[in-house]
Amino acid sequence: MPPRKPGTLLPIEAKILTTALAMVRAGQTTFHGFGLAQAMREQRAARSLTAHGTLYKALGRLEELGLLTSSWEDPAVEGRPRRRLYELTGRGVHVAERAGADQAAGRVPRLAPGPA
């Protein structure tokens, strides 16, 4: 993977944020990794991620950047492991909106305001 340029998002991070924002706007404030992956595939015409490990590493980076928060869900349904639930932060919503606009304009999605 090429190194991250300061102040930019990696493509998978931008996809995660814009998909999460779409989920929030549809009324789903929290999401788990597998559900997010499904939504990303639906939005991207069935293109799948290279691996779920890639997704979870990106979710961790976004949480470190303060764009997502996460917590373990309440006791799991029997027969299924507990899931980690993610939620966009206020800053995450702002960055997701900007990432969508950057992508639509053909620009590299950014973390911070910069030249257009």
PDB file of N, CA and C in Angstrom:
ATOM      1  N   MET A   1       0.852  -1.160   0.000  1.00  0.00           N
ATOM      2  CA  MET A   1       0.000   0.000   0.000  1.00  0.00           C
ATOM      3  C   MET A   1       0.905   1.231   0.000  1.00  0.00           C
ATOM      4  N   PRO A   2       0.593   2.227  -0.844  1.00  0.00           N
ATOM      5  CA  PRO A   2       1.408   3.441  -0.843  1.00  0.00           C
ATOM      6  C   PRO A   2       1.234   4.184   0.478  1.00  0.00           C
ATOM      7  N   PRO A   3       2.254   4.915   0.892  1.00  0.00           N
ATOM      8  CA  PRO A   3       2.126   5.657   2.151  1.00  0.00           C
ATOM      9  C   PRO A   3       1.038   6.724   2.049  1.00  0.00           C
ATOM     10  N   ARG A   4       0.438   6.994   3.170  1.00  0.00           N
ATOM     11  CA  ARG A   4      -0.614   8.014   3.234  1.00  0.00           C
ATOM     12  C   ARG A   4       0.023   9.394   3.124  1.00  0.00           C
ATOM     13  N   LYS A   5      -0.536  10.226   2.275  1.00  0.00           N
ATOM     14  CA  LYS A   5      -0.094  11.618   2.218  1.00  0.00           C
ATOM     15  C   LYS A   5      -0.720  12.330   3.414  1.00  0.00           C
ATOM     16  N   PRO A   6       0.018  13.202   4.062  1.00  0.00           N
ATOM     17  CA  PRO A   6      -0.526  13.897   5.233  1.00  0.00           C
ATOM     18  C   PRO A   6      -1.864  14.569   4.920  1.00  0.00           C
ATOM     19  N   GLY A   7      -2.821  14.374   5.821  1.00  0.00           N
ATOM     20  CA  GLY A   7      -4.115  15.039   5.685  1.00  0.00           C
ATOM     21  C   GLY A   7      -5.085  14.390   4.725  1.00  0.00           C
ATOM     22  N   THR A   8      -4.750  13.202   4.192  1.00  0.00           N
ATOM     23  CA  THR A   8      -5.647  12.538   3.246  1.00  0.00           C
ATOM     24  C   THR A   8      -6.172  11.228   3.826  1.00  0.00           C
ATOM     25  N   LEU A   9      -7.218  10.736   3.192  1.00  0.00           N
ATOM     26  CA  LEU A   9      -7.780   9.433   3.537  1.00  0.00           C
ATOM     27  C   LEU A   9      -7.359   8.416   2.485  1.00  0.00           C
ATOM     28  N   LEU A  10      -7.167   7.182   2.916  1.00  0.00           N
ATOM     29  CA  LEU A  10      -6.958   6.093   1.961  1.00  0.00           C
ATOM     30  C   LEU A  10      -8.298   5.792   1.308  1.00  0.00           C
ATOM     31  N   PRO A  11      -8.300   5.238   0.085  1.00  0.00           N
ATOM     32  CA  PRO A  11      -9.575   4.966  -0.590  1.00  0.00           C
ATOM     33  C   PRO A  11     -10.547   4.134   0.241  1.00  0.00           C
ATOM     34  N   ILE A  12     -10.071   3.085   0.919  1.00  0.00           N
ATOM     35  CA  ILE A  12     -10.987   2.266   1.717  1.00  0.00           C
ATOM     36  C   ILE A  12     -11.560   3.060   2.887  1.00  0.00           C
ATOM     37  N   GLU A  13     -10.766   3.964   3.456  1.00  0.00           N
ATOM     38  CA  GLU A  13     -11.266   4.779   4.556  1.00  0.00           C
ATOM     39  C   GLU A  13     -12.370   5.721   4.076  1.00  0.00           C
ATOM     40  N   ALA A  14     -12.179   6.310   2.919  1.00  0.00           N
ATOM     41  CA  ALA A  14     -13.209   7.189   2.352  1.00  0.00           C
ATOM     42  C   ALA A  14     -14.479   6.404   2.060  1.00  0.00           C
ATOM     43  N   LYS A  15     -14.341   5.175   1.535  1.00  0.00           N
ATOM     44  CA  LYS A  15     -15.518   4.343   1.251  1.00  0.00           C
ATOM     45  C   LYS A  15     -16.248   3.986   2.534  1.00  0.00           C
ATOM     46  N   ILE A  16     -15.490   3.653   3.569  1.00  0.00           N
ATOM     47  CA  ILE A  16     -16.116   3.324   4.852  1.00  0.00           C
ATOM     48  C   ILE A  16     -16.900   4.524   5.366  1.00  0.00           C
ATOM     49  N   LEU A  17     -16.283   5.693   5.364  1.00  0.00           N
ATOM     50  CA  LEU A  17     -16.947   6.881   5.895  1.00  0.00           C
ATOM     51  C   LEU A  17     -18.190   7.260   5.095  1.00  0.00           C
ATOM     52  N   THR A  18     -18.100   7.237   3.780  1.00  0.00           N
ATOM     53  CA  THR A  18     -19.265   7.629   2.975  1.00  0.00           C
ATOM     54  C   THR A  18     -20.384   6.592   3.097  1.00  0.00           C
ATOM     55  N   THR A  19     -20.031   5.318   3.212  1.00  0.00           N
ATOM     56  CA  THR A  19     -21.048   4.279   3.408  1.00  0.00           C
ATOM     57  C   THR A  19     -21.684   4.421   4.780  1.00  0.00           C
ATOM     58  N   ALA A  20     -20.867   4.659   5.803  1.00  0.00           N
ATOM     59  CA  ALA A  20     -21.402   4.852   7.155  1.00  0.00           C
ATOM     60  C   ALA A  20     -22.327   6.058   7.207  1.00  0.00           C
ATOM     61  N   LEU A  21     -21.965   7.137   6.522  1.00  0.00           N
ATOM     62  CA  LEU A  21     -22.823   8.326   6.487  1.00  0.00           C
ATOM     63  C   LEU A  21     -24.158   8.003   5.824  1.00  0.00           C
ATOM     64  N   ALA A  22     -24.133   7.239   4.751  1.00  0.00           N
ATOM     65  CA  ALA A  22     -25.380   6.836   4.093  1.00  0.00           C
ATOM     66  C   ALA A  22     -26.238   5.998   5.042  1.00  0.00           C
ATOM     67  N   MET A  23     -25.602   5.135   5.820  1.00  0.00           N
ATOM     68  CA  MET A  23     -26.336   4.316   6.786  1.00  0.00           C
ATOM     69  C   MET A  23     -26.970   5.196   7.867  1.00  0.00           C
ATOM     70  N   VAL A  24     -26.227   6.194   8.345  1.00  0.00           N
ATOM     71  CA  VAL A  24     -26.755   7.113   9.352  1.00  0.00           C
ATOM     72  C   VAL A  24     -27.956   7.863   8.786  1.00  0.00           C
ATOM     73  N   ARG A  25     -27.822   8.340   7.570  1.00  0.00           N
ATOM     74  CA  ARG A  25     -28.935   9.088   6.951  1.00  0.00           C
ATOM     75  C   ARG A  25     -30.155   8.197   6.712  1.00  0.00           C
ATOM     76  N   ALA A  26     -29.940   6.879   6.625  1.00  0.00           N
ATOM     77  CA  ALA A  26     -31.050   5.932   6.466  1.00  0.00           C
ATOM     78  C   ALA A  26     -31.611   5.505   7.823  1.00  0.00           C
ATOM     79  N   GLY A  27     -31.070   6.084   8.913  1.00  0.00           N
ATOM     80  CA  GLY A  27     -31.601   5.801  10.234  1.00  0.00           C
ATOM     81  C   GLY A  27     -30.839   4.760  11.034  1.00  0.00           C
ATOM     82  N   GLN A  28     -29.742   4.273  10.528  1.00  0.00           N
ATOM     83  CA  GLN A  28     -28.948   3.269  11.238  1.00  0.00           C
ATOM     84  C   GLN A  28     -27.724   3.960  11.834  1.00  0.00           C
ATOM     85  N   THR A  29     -27.795   4.299  13.119  1.00  0.00           N
ATOM     86  CA  THR A  29     -26.724   5.080  13.732  1.00  0.00           C
ATOM     87  C   THR A  29     -25.503   4.249  14.092  1.00  0.00           C
ATOM     88  N   THR A  30     -25.681   2.966  14.373  1.00  0.00           N
ATOM     89  CA  THR A  30     -24.537   2.099  14.658  1.00  0.00           C
ATOM     90  C   THR A  30     -24.491   0.988  13.624  1.00  0.00           C
ATOM     91  N   PHE A  31     -23.301   0.447  13.439  1.00  0.00           N
ATOM     92  CA  PHE A  31     -23.125  -0.632  12.472  1.00  0.00           C
ATOM     93  C   PHE A  31     -21.980  -1.510  12.918  1.00  0.00           C
ATOM     94  N   HIS A  32     -21.985  -2.737  12.452  1.00  0.00           N
ATOM     95  CA  HIS A  32     -20.870  -3.644  12.725  1.00  0.00           C
ATOM     96  C   HIS A  32     -20.133  -3.879  11.413  1.00  0.00           C
ATOM     97  N   GLY A  33     -18.932  -4.404  11.497  1.00  0.00           N
ATOM     98  CA  GLY A  33     -18.074  -4.547  10.322  1.00  0.00           C
ATOM     99  C   GLY A  33     -18.692  -5.330   9.191  1.00  0.00           C
ATOM    100  N   PHE A  34     -19.309  -6.482   9.501  1.00  0.00           N
ATOM    101  CA  PHE A  34     -19.872  -7.307   8.436  1.00  0.00           C
ATOM    102  C   PHE A  34     -21.032  -6.580   7.754  1.00  0.00           C
ATOM    103  N   GLY A  35     -21.878  -5.914   8.539  1.00  0.00           N
ATOM    104  CA  GLY A  35     -22.985  -5.152   7.957  1.00  0.00           C
ATOM    105  C   GLY A  35     -22.488  -4.008   7.088  1.00  0.00           C
ATOM    106  N   LEU A  36     -21.411  -3.365   7.535  1.00  0.00           N
ATOM    107  CA  LEU A  36     -20.802  -2.301   6.746  1.00  0.00           C
ATOM    108  C   LEU A  36     -20.273  -2.856   5.425  1.00  0.00           C
ATOM    109  N   ALA A  37     -19.603  -3.999   5.483  1.00  0.00           N
ATOM    110  CA  ALA A  37     -19.072  -4.621   4.264  1.00  0.00           C
ATOM    111  C   ALA A  37     -20.198  -4.936   3.287  1.00  0.00           C
ATOM    112  N   GLN A  38     -21.321  -5.427   3.797  1.00  0.00           N
ATOM    113  CA  GLN A  38     -22.469  -5.714   2.934  1.00  0.00           C
ATOM    114  C   GLN A  38     -22.987  -4.432   2.292  1.00  0.00           C
ATOM    115  N   ALA A  39     -23.119  -3.371   3.072  1.00  0.00           N
ATOM    116  CA  ALA A  39     -23.606  -2.100   2.533  1.00  0.00           C
ATOM    117  C   ALA A  39     -22.634  -1.550   1.492  1.00  0.00           C
ATOM    118  N   MET A  40     -21.333  -1.696   1.732  1.00  0.00           N
ATOM    119  CA  MET A  40     -20.340  -1.231   0.766  1.00  0.00           C
ATOM    120  C   MET A  40     -20.464  -1.995  -0.544  1.00  0.00           C
ATOM    121  N   ARG A  41     -20.678  -3.300  -0.471  1.00  0.00           N
ATOM    122  CA  ARG A  41     -20.851  -4.102  -1.691  1.00  0.00           C
ATOM    123  C   ARG A  41     -22.096  -3.671  -2.448  1.00  0.00           C
ATOM    124  N   GLU A  42     -23.187  -3.428  -1.727  1.00  0.00           N
ATOM    125  CA  GLU A  42     -24.431  -2.996  -2.372  1.00  0.00           C
ATOM    126  C   GLU A  42     -24.254  -1.647  -3.057  1.00  0.00           C
ATOM    127  N   GLN A  43     -23.572  -0.720  -2.402  1.00  0.00           N
ATOM    128  CA  GLN A  43     -23.364   0.611  -2.977  1.00  0.00           C
ATOM    129  C   GLN A  43     -22.389   0.588  -4.142  1.00  0.00           C
ATOM    130  N   ARG A  44     -21.481  -0.332  -4.142  1.00  0.00           N
ATOM    131  CA  ARG A  44     -20.419  -0.361  -5.156  1.00  0.00           C
ATOM    132  C   ARG A  44     -20.660  -1.445  -6.202  1.00  0.00           C
ATOM    133  N   ALA A  45     -21.915  -1.745  -6.477  1.00  0.00           N
ATOM    134  CA  ALA A  45     -22.291  -2.702  -7.527  1.00  0.00           C
ATOM    135  C   ALA A  45     -21.615  -4.055  -7.339  1.00  0.00           C
ATOM    136  N   ALA A  46     -21.699  -4.612  -6.114  1.00  0.00           N
ATOM    137  CA  ALA A  46     -21.246  -5.960  -5.779  1.00  0.00           C
ATOM    138  C   ALA A  46     -19.729  -6.148  -5.808  1.00  0.00           C
ATOM    139  N   ARG A  47     -18.955  -5.075  -5.854  1.00  0.00           N
ATOM    140  CA  ARG A  47     -17.500  -5.227  -5.738  1.00  0.00           C
ATOM    141  C   ARG A  47     -17.185  -5.518  -4.284  1.00  0.00           C
ATOM    142  N   SER A  48     -16.455  -6.582  -4.028  1.00  0.00           N
ATOM    143  CA  SER A  48     -16.168  -6.950  -2.644  1.00  0.00           C
ATOM    144  C   SER A  48     -14.816  -6.398  -2.198  1.00  0.00           C
ATOM    145  N   LEU A  49     -14.624  -6.352  -0.923  1.00  0.00           N
ATOM    146  CA  LEU A  49     -13.344  -5.944  -0.362  1.00  0.00           C
ATOM    147  C   LEU A  49     -12.339  -7.054  -0.592  1.00  0.00           C
ATOM    148  N   THR A  50     -11.064  -6.718  -0.547  1.00  0.00           N
ATOM    149  CA  THR A  50     -10.050  -7.743  -0.732  1.00  0.00           C
ATOM    150  C   THR A  50     -10.063  -8.735   0.419  1.00  0.00           C
ATOM    151  N   ALA A  51     -10.288  -8.271   1.621  1.00  0.00           N
ATOM    152  CA  ALA A  51     -10.355  -9.143   2.792  1.00  0.00           C
ATOM    153  C   ALA A  51     -11.001  -8.375   3.930  1.00  0.00           C
ATOM    154  N   HIS A  52     -11.684  -9.106   4.799  1.00  0.00           N
ATOM    155  CA  HIS A  52     -12.302  -8.431   5.938  1.00  0.00           C
ATOM    156  C   HIS A  52     -11.244  -7.877   6.871  1.00  0.00           C
ATOM    157  N   GLY A  53     -10.047  -8.483   6.904  1.00  0.00           N
ATOM    158  CA  GLY A  53      -8.959  -7.938   7.716  1.00  0.00           C
ATOM    159  C   GLY A  53      -8.615  -6.529   7.300  1.00  0.00           C
ATOM    160  N   THR A  54      -8.680  -6.259   6.007  1.00  0.00           N
ATOM    161  CA  THR A  54      -8.425  -4.917   5.490  1.00  0.00           C
ATOM    162  C   THR A  54      -9.452  -3.940   6.047  1.00  0.00           C
ATOM    163  N   LEU A  55     -10.702  -4.356   6.070  1.00  0.00           N
ATOM    164  CA  LEU A  55     -11.787  -3.522   6.582  1.00  0.00           C
ATOM    165  C   LEU A  55     -11.574  -3.209   8.057  1.00  0.00           C
ATOM    166  N   TYR A  56     -11.280  -4.223   8.854  1.00  0.00           N
ATOM    167  CA  TYR A  56     -11.153  -4.011  10.294  1.00  0.00           C
ATOM    168  C   TYR A  56      -9.923  -3.178  10.644  1.00  0.00           C
ATOM    169  N   LYS A  57      -8.848  -3.310   9.893  1.00  0.00           N
ATOM    170  CA  LYS A  57      -7.681  -2.456  10.117  1.00  0.00           C
ATOM    171  C   LYS A  57      -8.036  -1.000   9.814  1.00  0.00           C
ATOM    172  N   ALA A  58      -8.776  -0.788   8.727  1.00  0.00           N
ATOM    173  CA  ALA A  58      -9.187   0.579   8.369  1.00  0.00           C
ATOM    174  C   ALA A  58     -10.142   1.144   9.416  1.00  0.00           C
ATOM    175  N   LEU A  59     -11.057   0.323   9.929  1.00  0.00           N
ATOM    176  CA  LEU A  59     -11.956   0.789  10.990  1.00  0.00           C
ATOM    177  C   LEU A  59     -11.153   1.216  12.215  1.00  0.00           C
ATOM    178  N   GLY A  60     -10.124   0.462  12.556  1.00  0.00           N
ATOM    179  CA  GLY A  60      -9.271   0.813  13.682  1.00  0.00           C
ATOM    180  C   GLY A  60      -8.546   2.133  13.464  1.00  0.00           C
ATOM    181  N   ARG A  61      -8.042   2.346  12.239  1.00  0.00           N
ATOM    182  CA  ARG A  61      -7.358   3.618  11.938  1.00  0.00           C
ATOM    183  C   ARG A  61      -8.328   4.791  12.043  1.00  0.00           C
ATOM    184  N   LEU A  62      -9.546   4.608  11.537  1.00  0.00           N
ATOM    185  CA  LEU A  62     -10.539   5.684  11.596  1.00  0.00           C
ATOM    186  C   LEU A  62     -10.929   5.992  13.038  1.00  0.00           C
ATOM    187  N   GLU A  63     -10.941   4.968  13.865  1.00  0.00           N
ATOM    188  CA  GLU A  63     -11.227   5.194  15.281  1.00  0.00           C
ATOM    189  C   GLU A  63     -10.066   5.958  15.932  1.00  0.00           C
ATOM    190  N   GLU A  64      -8.839   5.608  15.594  1.00  0.00           N
ATOM    191  CA  GLU A  64      -7.671   6.320  16.127  1.00  0.00           C
ATOM    192  C   GLU A  64      -7.675   7.796  15.707  1.00  0.00           C
ATOM    193  N   LEU A  65      -8.198   8.070  14.510  1.00  0.00           N
ATOM    194  CA  LEU A  65      -8.281   9.443  14.011  1.00  0.00           C
ATOM    195  C   LEU A  65      -9.445  10.223  14.632  1.00  0.00           C
ATOM    196  N   GLY A  66     -10.281   9.538  15.422  1.00  0.00           N
ATOM    197  CA  GLY A  66     -11.417  10.198  16.058  1.00  0.00           C
ATOM    198  C   GLY A  66     -12.629  10.352  15.160  1.00  0.00           C
ATOM    199  N   LEU A  67     -12.677   9.592  14.063  1.00  0.00           N
ATOM    200  CA  LEU A  67     -13.803   9.694  13.130  1.00  0.00           C
ATOM    201  C   LEU A  67     -14.896   8.682  13.443  1.00  0.00           C
ATOM    202  N   LEU A  68     -14.536   7.632  14.172  1.00  0.00           N
ATOM    203  CA  LEU A  68     -15.475   6.607  14.607  1.00  0.00           C
ATOM    204  C   LEU A  68     -15.261   6.350  16.088  1.00  0.00           C
ATOM    205  N   THR A  69     -16.301   5.862  16.741  1.00  0.00           N
ATOM    206  CA  THR A  69     -16.163   5.293  18.081  1.00  0.00           C
ATOM    207  C   THR A  69     -16.678   3.868  17.989  1.00  0.00           C
ATOM    208  N   SER A  70     -16.284   3.028  18.929  1.00  0.00           N
ATOM    209  CA  SER A  70     -16.779   1.660  18.909  1.00  0.00           C
ATOM    210  C   SER A  70     -16.967   1.151  20.323  1.00  0.00           C
ATOM    211  N   SER A  71     -17.802   0.148  20.445  1.00  0.00           N
ATOM    212  CA  SER A  71     -18.037  -0.530  21.718  1.00  0.00           C
ATOM    213  C   SER A  71     -18.565  -1.922  21.405  1.00  0.00           C
ATOM    214  N   TRP A  72     -18.429  -2.808  22.379  1.00  0.00           N
ATOM    215  CA  TRP A  72     -18.983  -4.143  22.199  1.00  0.00           C
ATOM    216  C   TRP A  72     -20.486  -4.069  22.417  1.00  0.00           C
ATOM    217  N   GLU A  73     -21.241  -4.787  21.591  1.00  0.00           N
ATOM    218  CA  GLU A  73     -22.689  -4.784  21.775  1.00  0.00           C
ATOM    219  C   GLU A  73     -23.036  -5.505  23.064  1.00  0.00           C
ATOM    220  N   ASP A  74     -24.253  -5.297  23.527  1.00  0.00           N
ATOM    221  CA  ASP A  74     -24.727  -5.974  24.724  1.00  0.00           C
ATOM    222  C   ASP A  74     -24.657  -7.480  24.501  1.00  0.00           C
ATOM    223  N   PRO A  75     -24.874  -8.270  25.547  1.00  0.00           N
ATOM    224  CA  PRO A  75     -24.703  -9.723  25.422  1.00  0.00           C
ATOM    225  C   PRO A  75     -25.187 -10.277  24.084  1.00  0.00           C
ATOM    226  N   ALA A  76     -24.351 -11.126  23.554  1.00  0.00           N
ATOM    227  CA  ALA A  76     -24.597 -11.672  22.210  1.00  0.00           C
ATOM    228  C   ALA A  76     -25.791 -12.606  22.177  1.00  0.00           C
ATOM    229  N   VAL A  77     -26.361 -12.702  20.998  1.00  0.00           N
ATOM    230  CA  VAL A  77     -27.400 -13.682  20.738  1.00  0.00           C
ATOM    231  C   VAL A  77     -26.731 -15.052  20.819  1.00  0.00           C
ATOM    232  N   GLU A  78     -27.396 -16.002  21.433  1.00  0.00           N
ATOM    233  CA  GLU A  78     -26.790 -17.328  21.583  1.00  0.00           C
ATOM    234  C   GLU A  78     -26.443 -17.921  20.224  1.00  0.00           C
ATOM    235  N   GLY A  79     -25.262 -18.501  20.158  1.00  0.00           N
ATOM    236  CA  GLY A  79     -24.815 -19.121  18.915  1.00  0.00           C
ATOM    237  C   GLY A  79     -24.064 -18.169  17.996  1.00  0.00           C
ATOM    238  N   ARG A  80     -23.895 -16.934  18.412  1.00  0.00           N
ATOM    239  CA  ARG A  80     -23.192 -15.946  17.596  1.00  0.00           C
ATOM    240  C   ARG A  80     -22.271 -15.146  18.511  1.00  0.00           C
ATOM    241  N   PRO A  81     -21.045 -14.898  18.073  1.00  0.00           N
ATOM    242  CA  PRO A  81     -20.146 -14.105  18.913  1.00  0.00           C
ATOM    243  C   PRO A  81     -20.609 -12.646  19.014  1.00  0.00           C
ATOM    244  N   ARG A  82     -20.131 -11.969  20.067  1.00  0.00           N
ATOM    245  CA  ARG A  82     -20.447 -10.548  20.205  1.00  0.00           C
ATOM    246  C   ARG A  82     -19.855  -9.786  19.026  1.00  0.00           C
ATOM    247  N   ARG A  83     -20.492  -8.675  18.703  1.00  0.00           N
ATOM    248  CA  ARG A  83     -19.994  -7.836  17.608  1.00  0.00           C
ATOM    249  C   ARG A  83     -19.572  -6.489  18.163  1.00  0.00           C
ATOM    250  N   ARG A  84     -18.612  -5.929  17.482  1.00  0.00           N
ATOM    251  CA  ARG A  84     -18.169  -4.583  17.819  1.00  0.00           C
ATOM    252  C   ARG A  84     -19.038  -3.621  17.011  1.00  0.00           C
ATOM    253  N   LEU A  85     -19.666  -2.677  17.684  1.00  0.00           N
ATOM    254  CA  LEU A  85     -20.529  -1.703  17.019  1.00  0.00           C
ATOM    255  C   LEU A  85     -19.764  -0.400  16.850  1.00  0.00           C
ATOM    256  N   TYR A  86     -19.856   0.166  15.672  1.00  0.00           N
ATOM    257  CA  TYR A  86     -19.172   1.414  15.328  1.00  0.00           C
ATOM    258  C   TYR A  86     -20.206   2.503  15.127  1.00  0.00           C
ATOM    259  N   GLU A  87     -19.774   3.736  15.355  1.00  0.00           N
ATOM    260  CA  GLU A  87     -20.636   4.895  15.166  1.00  0.00           C
ATOM    261  C   GLU A  87     -19.778   6.065  14.698  1.00  0.00           C
ATOM    262  N   LEU A  88     -20.287   6.828  13.743  1.00  0.00           N
ATOM    263  CA  LEU A  88     -19.584   8.031  13.299  1.00  0.00           C
ATOM    264  C   LEU A  88     -19.606   9.070  14.407  1.00  0.00           C
ATOM    265  N   THR A  89     -18.497   9.752  14.610  1.00  0.00           N
ATOM    266  CA  THR A  89     -18.466  10.887  15.532  1.00  0.00           C
ATOM    267  C   THR A  89     -18.939  12.121  14.756  1.00  0.00           C
ATOM    268  N   GLY A  90     -19.117  13.227  15.463  1.00  0.00           N
ATOM    269  CA  GLY A  90     -19.467  14.477  14.779  1.00  0.00           C
ATOM    270  C   GLY A  90     -18.414  14.846  13.746  1.00  0.00           C
ATOM    271  N   ARG A  91     -17.151  14.717  14.129  1.00  0.00           N
ATOM    272  CA  ARG A  91     -16.068  14.997  13.181  1.00  0.00           C
ATOM    273  C   ARG A  91     -16.109  13.992  12.027  1.00  0.00           C
ATOM    274  N   GLY A  92     -16.450  12.741  12.330  1.00  0.00           N
ATOM    275  CA  GLY A  92     -16.539  11.722  11.284  1.00  0.00           C
ATOM    276  C   GLY A  92     -17.601  12.054  10.249  1.00  0.00           C
ATOM    277  N   VAL A  93     -18.735  12.579  10.703  1.00  0.00           N
ATOM    278  CA  VAL A  93     -19.795  12.994   9.778  1.00  0.00           C
ATOM    279  C   VAL A  93     -19.272  14.097   8.869  1.00  0.00           C
ATOM    280  N   HIS A  94     -18.602  15.081   9.464  1.00  0.00           N
ATOM    281  CA  HIS A  94     -18.069  16.210   8.685  1.00  0.00           C
ATOM    282  C   HIS A  94     -17.047  15.718   7.647  1.00  0.00           C
ATOM    283  N   VAL A  95     -16.122  14.853   8.076  1.00  0.00           N
ATOM    284  CA  VAL A  95     -15.101  14.342   7.156  1.00  0.00           C
ATOM    285  C   VAL A  95     -15.749  13.459   6.083  1.00  0.00           C
ATOM    286  N   ALA A  96     -16.766  12.674   6.446  1.00  0.00           N
ATOM    287  CA  ALA A  96     -17.459  11.830   5.465  1.00  0.00           C
ATOM    288  C   ALA A  96     -18.153  12.678   4.404  1.00  0.00           C
ATOM    289  N   GLU A  97     -18.791  13.765   4.826  1.00  0.00           N
ATOM    290  CA  GLU A  97     -19.441  14.659   3.857  1.00  0.00           C
ATOM    291  C   GLU A  97     -18.415  15.244   2.894  1.00  0.00           C
ATOM    292  N   ARG A  98     -17.296  15.690   3.459  1.00  0.00           N
ATOM    293  CA  ARG A  98     -16.238  16.263   2.628  1.00  0.00           C
ATOM    294  C   ARG A  98     -15.626  15.198   1.711  1.00  0.00           C
ATOM    295  N   ALA A  99     -15.437  13.972   2.228  1.00  0.00           N
ATOM    296  CA  ALA A  99     -14.870  12.888   1.408  1.00  0.00           C
ATOM    297  C   ALA A  99     -15.772  12.588   0.215  1.00  0.00           C
ATOM    298  N   GLY A 100     -17.091  12.589   0.442  1.00  0.00           N
ATOM    299  CA  GLY A 100     -18.020  12.369  -0.666  1.00  0.00           C
ATOM    300  C   GLY A 100     -17.925  13.457  -1.711  1.00  0.00           C
ATOM    301  N   ALA A 101     -17.815  14.704  -1.260  1.00  0.00           N
ATOM    302  CA  ALA A 101     -17.681  15.829  -2.193  1.00  0.00           C
ATOM    303  C   ALA A 101     -16.352  15.749  -2.941  1.00  0.00           C
ATOM    304  N   ASP A 102     -15.282  15.402  -2.229  1.00  0.00           N
ATOM    305  CA  ASP A 102     -13.971  15.263  -2.876  1.00  0.00           C
ATOM    306  C   ASP A 102     -14.002  14.170  -3.939  1.00  0.00           C
ATOM    307  N   GLN A 103     -14.581  13.027  -3.591  1.00  0.00           N
ATOM    308  CA  GLN A 103     -14.658  11.920  -4.556  1.00  0.00           C
ATOM    309  C   GLN A 103     -15.478  12.326  -5.776  1.00  0.00           C
ATOM    310  N   ALA A 104     -16.599  12.998  -5.556  1.00  0.00           N
ATOM    311  CA  ALA A 104     -17.446  13.424  -6.671  1.00  0.00           C
ATOM    312  C   ALA A 104     -16.710  14.396  -7.585  1.00  0.00           C
ATOM    313  N   ALA A 105     -15.815  15.191  -7.010  1.00  0.00           N
ATOM    314  CA  ALA A 105     -15.060  16.171  -7.791  1.00  0.00           C
ATOM    315  C   ALA A 105     -13.758  15.587  -8.347  1.00  0.00           C
ATOM    316  N   GLY A 106     -13.499  14.304  -8.077  1.00  0.00           N
ATOM    317  CA  GLY A 106     -12.295  13.667  -8.583  1.00  0.00           C
ATOM    318  C   GLY A 106     -11.045  14.011  -7.793  1.00  0.00           C
ATOM    319  N   ARG A 107     -11.225  14.499  -6.551  1.00  0.00           N
ATOM    320  CA  ARG A 107     -10.087  14.830  -5.707  1.00  0.00           C
ATOM    321  C   ARG A 107      -9.826  13.709  -4.703  1.00  0.00           C
ATOM    322  N   VAL A 108      -8.627  13.689  -4.150  1.00  0.00           N
ATOM    323  CA  VAL A 108      -8.291  12.747  -3.085  1.00  0.00           C
ATOM    324  C   VAL A 108      -9.000  13.194  -1.825  1.00  0.00           C
ATOM    325  N   PRO A 109      -9.773  12.300  -1.186  1.00  0.00           N
ATOM    326  CA  PRO A 109     -10.474  12.683   0.050  1.00  0.00           C
ATOM    327  C   PRO A 109      -9.497  13.108   1.136  1.00  0.00           C
ATOM    328  N   ARG A 110      -9.850  14.197   1.837  1.00  0.00           N
ATOM    329  CA  ARG A 110      -8.961  14.793   2.828  1.00  0.00           C
ATOM    330  C   ARG A 110      -9.548  14.691   4.235  1.00  0.00           C
ATOM    331  N   LEU A 111      -8.666  14.722   5.207  1.00  0.00           N
ATOM    332  CA  LEU A 111      -9.063  14.769   6.607  1.00  0.00           C
ATOM    333  C   LEU A 111      -9.322  16.196   7.053  1.00  0.00           C
ATOM    334  N   ALA A 112      -8.540  17.112   6.532  1.00  0.00           N
ATOM    335  CA  ALA A 112      -8.614  18.513   6.954  1.00  0.00           C
ATOM    336  C   ALA A 112      -8.845  19.392   5.745  1.00  0.00           C
ATOM    337  N   PRO A 113      -9.415  20.557   5.959  1.00  0.00           N
ATOM    338  CA  PRO A 113      -9.606  21.474   4.833  1.00  0.00           C
ATOM    339  C   PRO A 113      -8.285  21.777   4.152  1.00  0.00           C
ATOM    340  N   GLY A 114      -8.334  21.929   2.867  1.00  0.00           N
ATOM    341  CA  GLY A 114      -7.140  22.235   2.114  1.00  0.00           C
ATOM    342  C   GLY A 114      -7.526  22.865   0.797  1.00  0.00           C
ATOM    343  N   PRO A 115      -6.595  23.094  -0.071  1.00  0.00           N
ATOM    344  CA  PRO A 115      -6.910  23.706  -1.362  1.00  0.00           C
ATOM    345  C   PRO A 115      -7.814  22.792  -2.179  1.00  0.00           C
ATOM    346  N   ALA A 116      -8.737  23.373  -2.887  1.00  0.00           N
ATOM    347  CA  ALA A 116      -9.697  22.599  -3.691  1.00  0.00           C
ATOM    348  C   ALA A 116      -9.101  22.058  -4.941  1.00  0.00           C
TER     349      ALA A 116
END
